[in-house]
Amino acid sequence: MDSEDRAVRVGARGSRPDEVSRAAGSPEVPELGGTSAARKRETDGYAYRAMVSSARAHERAATLLEEMAAAHPEEAELHLQSAARHRRWAANDRELAQKYAPRTGCPDGP
């Protein structure tokens, strides 16, 4: 038996008809009703919130790694390197969130 035969078949969420109806009611998946412009705003808003959430998660990870560096001096350098990477990723996520934020007509942003 090939390893491919033993592999678990995995598909995208919502790829099967019973999952489509389940995913549509999920709070994670935006409802895509209405006009094309409304769908775009809704999708853009979801993407914006996801990037902001990701940036916050990277900041929390960096803080935790810095605390770990203080608690474990023998591994401090590695923890601090990882924390710096997470801070860069957080900055990148915030930049993308601002760049692609849905525009509401307000000059101050989303």
N, C-alpha and C. Protein backbone atom coordinates (compact mmCIF):
# COMPACT_ATOMS: atom_id res chain seq x y z
N MET A 1 0.85 -1.17 0.00
CA MET A 1 0.00 0.00 0.00
C MET A 1 0.89 1.23 0.00
N ASP A 2 0.68 2.13 -0.94
CA ASP A 2 1.43 3.38 -1.03
C ASP A 2 1.10 4.29 0.15
N SER A 3 2.05 5.19 0.45
CA SER A 3 1.78 6.17 1.50
C SER A 3 0.65 7.09 1.07
N GLU A 4 0.54 7.32 -0.24
CA GLU A 4 -0.54 8.16 -0.73
C GLU A 4 -1.88 7.50 -0.51
N ASP A 5 -1.94 6.18 -0.58
CA ASP A 5 -3.18 5.47 -0.33
C ASP A 5 -3.60 5.59 1.13
N ARG A 6 -2.60 5.68 2.00
CA ARG A 6 -2.89 5.77 3.43
C ARG A 6 -3.14 7.20 3.88
N ALA A 7 -2.79 8.16 3.05
CA ALA A 7 -2.92 9.56 3.44
C ALA A 7 -4.38 9.92 3.64
N VAL A 8 -4.61 10.75 4.62
CA VAL A 8 -5.96 11.23 4.88
C VAL A 8 -6.30 12.25 3.81
N ARG A 9 -7.45 12.10 3.23
CA ARG A 9 -7.88 13.05 2.21
C ARG A 9 -8.42 14.28 2.91
N VAL A 10 -7.85 15.42 2.60
CA VAL A 10 -8.23 16.67 3.23
C VAL A 10 -8.67 17.64 2.15
N GLY A 11 -9.78 18.30 2.39
CA GLY A 11 -10.26 19.31 1.45
C GLY A 11 -10.47 20.62 2.17
N ALA A 12 -10.69 21.64 1.40
CA ALA A 12 -10.95 22.96 1.98
C ALA A 12 -12.28 22.96 2.70
N ARG A 13 -12.37 23.79 3.74
CA ARG A 13 -13.62 23.90 4.47
C ARG A 13 -14.69 24.39 3.50
N GLY A 14 -15.83 23.76 3.56
CA GLY A 14 -16.90 24.16 2.68
C GLY A 14 -16.83 23.49 1.32
N SER A 15 -15.91 22.51 1.16
CA SER A 15 -15.77 21.88 -0.14
C SER A 15 -16.82 20.79 -0.37
N ARG A 16 -17.44 20.34 0.72
CA ARG A 16 -18.52 19.36 0.58
C ARG A 16 -19.85 20.06 0.85
N PRO A 17 -20.90 19.63 0.20
CA PRO A 17 -22.19 20.32 0.33
C PRO A 17 -22.65 20.48 1.77
N ASP A 18 -22.47 19.46 2.64
CA ASP A 18 -22.92 19.59 4.02
C ASP A 18 -22.08 20.60 4.79
N GLU A 19 -20.82 20.79 4.37
CA GLU A 19 -19.96 21.77 5.04
C GLU A 19 -20.24 23.18 4.57
N VAL A 20 -20.74 23.32 3.36
CA VAL A 20 -21.04 24.64 2.83
C VAL A 20 -22.10 25.30 3.70
N SER A 21 -23.15 24.58 4.01
CA SER A 21 -24.21 25.17 4.82
C SER A 21 -23.73 25.43 6.23
N ARG A 22 -22.87 24.55 6.78
CA ARG A 22 -22.33 24.76 8.12
C ARG A 22 -21.40 25.96 8.15
N ALA A 23 -20.53 26.09 7.16
CA ALA A 23 -19.57 27.20 7.11
C ALA A 23 -20.28 28.52 6.90
N ALA A 24 -21.38 28.53 6.15
CA ALA A 24 -22.08 29.77 5.87
C ALA A 24 -22.65 30.39 7.14
N GLY A 25 -23.03 29.56 8.10
CA GLY A 25 -23.58 30.08 9.36
C GLY A 25 -22.51 30.37 10.39
N SER A 26 -21.28 30.09 10.09
CA SER A 26 -20.19 30.27 11.03
C SER A 26 -19.86 31.75 11.21
N PRO A 27 -19.56 32.18 12.45
CA PRO A 27 -19.18 33.58 12.65
C PRO A 27 -17.84 33.91 12.02
N GLU A 28 -17.04 32.90 11.69
CA GLU A 28 -15.74 33.13 11.08
C GLU A 28 -15.85 33.48 9.60
N VAL A 29 -16.90 32.98 8.96
CA VAL A 29 -17.07 33.16 7.53
C VAL A 29 -18.09 34.25 7.28
N PRO A 30 -17.70 35.34 6.63
CA PRO A 30 -18.65 36.42 6.39
C PRO A 30 -19.75 35.98 5.42
N GLU A 31 -20.97 36.43 5.69
CA GLU A 31 -22.07 36.15 4.78
C GLU A 31 -21.85 36.98 3.52
N LEU A 32 -22.08 36.37 2.39
CA LEU A 32 -21.82 37.07 1.12
C LEU A 32 -23.13 37.32 0.39
N GLY A 33 -23.97 38.13 0.98
CA GLY A 33 -25.22 38.48 0.33
C GLY A 33 -25.15 39.91 -0.18
N GLY A 34 -26.15 40.31 -0.94
CA GLY A 34 -26.22 41.70 -1.39
C GLY A 34 -25.44 41.94 -2.66
N THR A 35 -25.13 43.21 -2.88
CA THR A 35 -24.47 43.62 -4.11
C THR A 35 -22.99 43.27 -4.08
N SER A 36 -22.38 43.40 -5.22
CA SER A 36 -20.94 43.13 -5.34
C SER A 36 -20.13 44.06 -4.46
N ALA A 37 -20.50 45.34 -4.42
CA ALA A 37 -19.79 46.31 -3.59
C ALA A 37 -19.94 45.96 -2.11
N ALA A 38 -21.14 45.53 -1.72
CA ALA A 38 -21.37 45.16 -0.32
C ALA A 38 -20.55 43.93 0.05
N ARG A 39 -20.48 42.96 -0.86
CA ARG A 39 -19.68 41.76 -0.59
C ARG A 39 -18.21 42.12 -0.46
N LYS A 40 -17.72 43.02 -1.32
CA LYS A 40 -16.32 43.44 -1.25
C LYS A 40 -16.02 44.13 0.07
N ARG A 41 -16.91 45.04 0.50
CA ARG A 41 -16.71 45.73 1.79
C ARG A 41 -16.69 44.72 2.93
N GLU A 42 -17.61 43.78 2.89
CA GLU A 42 -17.69 42.78 3.95
C GLU A 42 -16.43 41.91 3.98
N THR A 43 -15.99 41.48 2.81
CA THR A 43 -14.79 40.66 2.72
C THR A 43 -13.56 41.44 3.14
N ASP A 44 -13.47 42.70 2.69
CA ASP A 44 -12.34 43.54 3.08
C ASP A 44 -12.32 43.75 4.58
N GLY A 45 -13.48 43.95 5.18
CA GLY A 45 -13.57 44.13 6.63
C GLY A 45 -13.10 42.90 7.37
N TYR A 46 -13.49 41.73 6.87
CA TYR A 46 -13.07 40.47 7.48
C TYR A 46 -11.55 40.32 7.37
N ALA A 47 -10.99 40.62 6.21
CA ALA A 47 -9.55 40.51 6.02
C ALA A 47 -8.81 41.50 6.92
N TYR A 48 -9.33 42.71 7.05
CA TYR A 48 -8.73 43.72 7.92
C TYR A 48 -8.69 43.21 9.37
N ARG A 49 -9.83 42.71 9.85
CA ARG A 49 -9.89 42.22 11.23
C ARG A 49 -8.95 41.04 11.43
N ALA A 50 -8.81 40.18 10.43
CA ALA A 50 -7.90 39.04 10.53
C ALA A 50 -6.45 39.50 10.65
N MET A 51 -6.06 40.52 9.87
CA MET A 51 -4.69 41.02 9.93
C MET A 51 -4.41 41.71 11.27
N VAL A 52 -5.38 42.46 11.77
CA VAL A 52 -5.21 43.11 13.07
C VAL A 52 -5.08 42.05 14.16
N SER A 53 -5.91 41.03 14.10
CA SER A 53 -5.84 39.94 15.06
C SER A 53 -4.50 39.22 15.00
N SER A 54 -4.01 39.00 13.81
CA SER A 54 -2.71 38.35 13.63
C SER A 54 -1.59 39.20 14.22
N ALA A 55 -1.65 40.51 14.00
CA ALA A 55 -0.63 41.41 14.55
C ALA A 55 -0.64 41.35 16.07
N ARG A 56 -1.81 41.34 16.66
CA ARG A 56 -1.91 41.24 18.13
C ARG A 56 -1.35 39.92 18.64
N ALA A 57 -1.63 38.84 17.93
CA ALA A 57 -1.11 37.54 18.34
C ALA A 57 0.41 37.51 18.27
N HIS A 58 0.99 38.11 17.23
CA HIS A 58 2.46 38.16 17.13
C HIS A 58 3.04 39.01 18.26
N GLU A 59 2.38 40.08 18.63
CA GLU A 59 2.85 40.91 19.75
C GLU A 59 2.82 40.12 21.05
N ARG A 60 1.74 39.36 21.27
CA ARG A 60 1.65 38.54 22.48
C ARG A 60 2.75 37.48 22.49
N ALA A 61 3.01 36.87 21.34
CA ALA A 61 4.07 35.86 21.26
C ALA A 61 5.43 36.48 21.55
N ALA A 62 5.68 37.67 21.03
CA ALA A 62 6.96 38.34 21.27
C ALA A 62 7.12 38.65 22.75
N THR A 63 6.07 39.12 23.39
CA THR A 63 6.13 39.41 24.82
C THR A 63 6.43 38.15 25.62
N LEU A 64 5.75 37.07 25.28
CA LEU A 64 5.99 35.80 25.96
C LEU A 64 7.42 35.33 25.77
N LEU A 65 7.94 35.44 24.57
CA LEU A 65 9.32 35.03 24.30
C LEU A 65 10.32 35.89 25.06
N GLU A 66 10.03 37.17 25.19
CA GLU A 66 10.92 38.04 25.97
C GLU A 66 10.89 37.65 27.45
N GLU A 67 9.72 37.28 27.96
CA GLU A 67 9.62 36.81 29.34
C GLU A 67 10.38 35.49 29.51
N MET A 68 10.28 34.63 28.50
CA MET A 68 11.02 33.36 28.56
C MET A 68 12.52 33.60 28.54
N ALA A 69 12.97 34.60 27.78
CA ALA A 69 14.40 34.93 27.73
C ALA A 69 14.89 35.37 29.10
N ALA A 70 14.06 36.13 29.81
CA ALA A 70 14.45 36.59 31.15
C ALA A 70 14.48 35.42 32.13
N ALA A 71 13.57 34.47 31.96
CA ALA A 71 13.49 33.33 32.89
C ALA A 71 14.53 32.27 32.59
N HIS A 72 15.00 32.17 31.37
CA HIS A 72 15.96 31.14 30.97
C HIS A 72 17.15 31.77 30.28
N PRO A 73 18.10 32.30 31.04
CA PRO A 73 19.24 32.99 30.44
C PRO A 73 20.06 32.13 29.49
N GLU A 74 20.08 30.82 29.70
CA GLU A 74 20.87 29.95 28.82
C GLU A 74 20.30 29.88 27.40
N GLU A 75 19.02 30.20 27.26
CA GLU A 75 18.38 30.19 25.94
C GLU A 75 17.91 31.59 25.53
N ALA A 76 18.35 32.59 26.24
CA ALA A 76 17.85 33.95 26.04
C ALA A 76 18.06 34.45 24.61
N GLU A 77 19.22 34.20 24.05
CA GLU A 77 19.52 34.72 22.71
C GLU A 77 18.53 34.18 21.67
N LEU A 78 18.24 32.88 21.74
CA LEU A 78 17.30 32.29 20.79
C LEU A 78 15.89 32.85 20.98
N HIS A 79 15.49 33.01 22.25
CA HIS A 79 14.16 33.57 22.52
C HIS A 79 14.06 35.01 22.01
N LEU A 80 15.11 35.78 22.21
CA LEU A 80 15.08 37.17 21.77
C LEU A 80 15.08 37.27 20.24
N GLN A 81 15.77 36.36 19.58
CA GLN A 81 15.73 36.35 18.11
C GLN A 81 14.32 36.04 17.62
N SER A 82 13.68 35.07 18.26
CA SER A 82 12.30 34.73 17.88
C SER A 82 11.35 35.88 18.17
N ALA A 83 11.56 36.55 19.30
CA ALA A 83 10.70 37.69 19.65
C ALA A 83 10.85 38.80 18.60
N ALA A 84 12.07 39.04 18.16
CA ALA A 84 12.29 40.07 17.13
C ALA A 84 11.57 39.71 15.83
N ARG A 85 11.60 38.42 15.46
CA ARG A 85 10.88 37.99 14.25
C ARG A 85 9.39 38.24 14.40
N HIS A 86 8.83 37.88 15.57
CA HIS A 86 7.40 38.10 15.80
C HIS A 86 7.05 39.59 15.75
N ARG A 87 7.91 40.43 16.26
CA ARG A 87 7.65 41.88 16.20
C ARG A 87 7.66 42.37 14.74
N ARG A 88 8.57 41.84 13.93
CA ARG A 88 8.59 42.20 12.49
C ARG A 88 7.31 41.73 11.81
N TRP A 89 6.90 40.51 12.12
CA TRP A 89 5.67 39.99 11.52
C TRP A 89 4.46 40.82 11.95
N ALA A 90 4.42 41.24 13.21
CA ALA A 90 3.32 42.06 13.70
C ALA A 90 3.30 43.40 12.96
N ALA A 91 4.47 44.00 12.79
CA ALA A 91 4.55 45.28 12.06
C ALA A 91 4.08 45.09 10.62
N ASN A 92 4.47 43.99 10.00
CA ASN A 92 4.04 43.71 8.63
C ASN A 92 2.52 43.54 8.56
N ASP A 93 1.95 42.81 9.51
CA ASP A 93 0.49 42.62 9.53
C ASP A 93 -0.24 43.94 9.72
N ARG A 94 0.27 44.80 10.61
CA ARG A 94 -0.36 46.11 10.81
C ARG A 94 -0.28 46.96 9.54
N GLU A 95 0.87 46.89 8.87
CA GLU A 95 1.04 47.64 7.62
C GLU A 95 0.05 47.15 6.56
N LEU A 96 -0.09 45.85 6.44
CA LEU A 96 -1.04 45.30 5.47
C LEU A 96 -2.47 45.64 5.84
N ALA A 97 -2.78 45.61 7.12
CA ALA A 97 -4.13 45.95 7.56
C ALA A 97 -4.46 47.39 7.19
N GLN A 98 -3.52 48.30 7.39
CA GLN A 98 -3.76 49.70 7.04
C GLN A 98 -3.84 49.88 5.53
N LYS A 99 -2.99 49.19 4.81
CA LYS A 99 -2.95 49.33 3.35
C LYS A 99 -4.23 48.83 2.71
N TYR A 100 -4.77 47.74 3.21
CA TYR A 100 -5.94 47.13 2.60
C TYR A 100 -7.21 47.29 3.41
N ALA A 101 -7.21 48.21 4.36
CA ALA A 101 -8.39 48.44 5.18
C ALA A 101 -9.54 48.93 4.32
N PRO A 102 -10.75 48.49 4.63
CA PRO A 102 -11.90 49.01 3.88
C PRO A 102 -12.07 50.50 4.16
N ARG A 103 -12.36 51.24 3.16
CA ARG A 103 -12.50 52.70 3.29
C ARG A 103 -13.97 53.04 3.53
N THR A 104 -14.20 53.82 4.57
CA THR A 104 -15.58 54.17 4.92
C THR A 104 -15.93 55.59 4.51
N GLY A 105 -14.97 56.30 3.91
CA GLY A 105 -15.21 57.68 3.55
C GLY A 105 -14.70 58.64 4.61
N CYS A 106 -14.36 58.09 5.77
CA CYS A 106 -13.82 58.90 6.86
C CYS A 106 -12.34 59.13 6.61
N PRO A 107 -11.83 60.37 6.69
CA PRO A 107 -10.42 60.61 6.38
C PRO A 107 -9.46 59.97 7.38
N ASP A 108 -9.97 59.55 8.56
CA ASP A 108 -9.12 58.95 9.58
C ASP A 108 -8.90 57.47 9.39
N GLY A 109 -9.47 56.87 8.38
CA GLY A 109 -9.24 55.44 8.11
C GLY A 109 -10.49 54.62 8.23
N PRO A 110 -10.33 53.32 8.53
CA PRO A 110 -11.47 52.39 8.51
C PRO A 110 -12.52 52.67 9.54
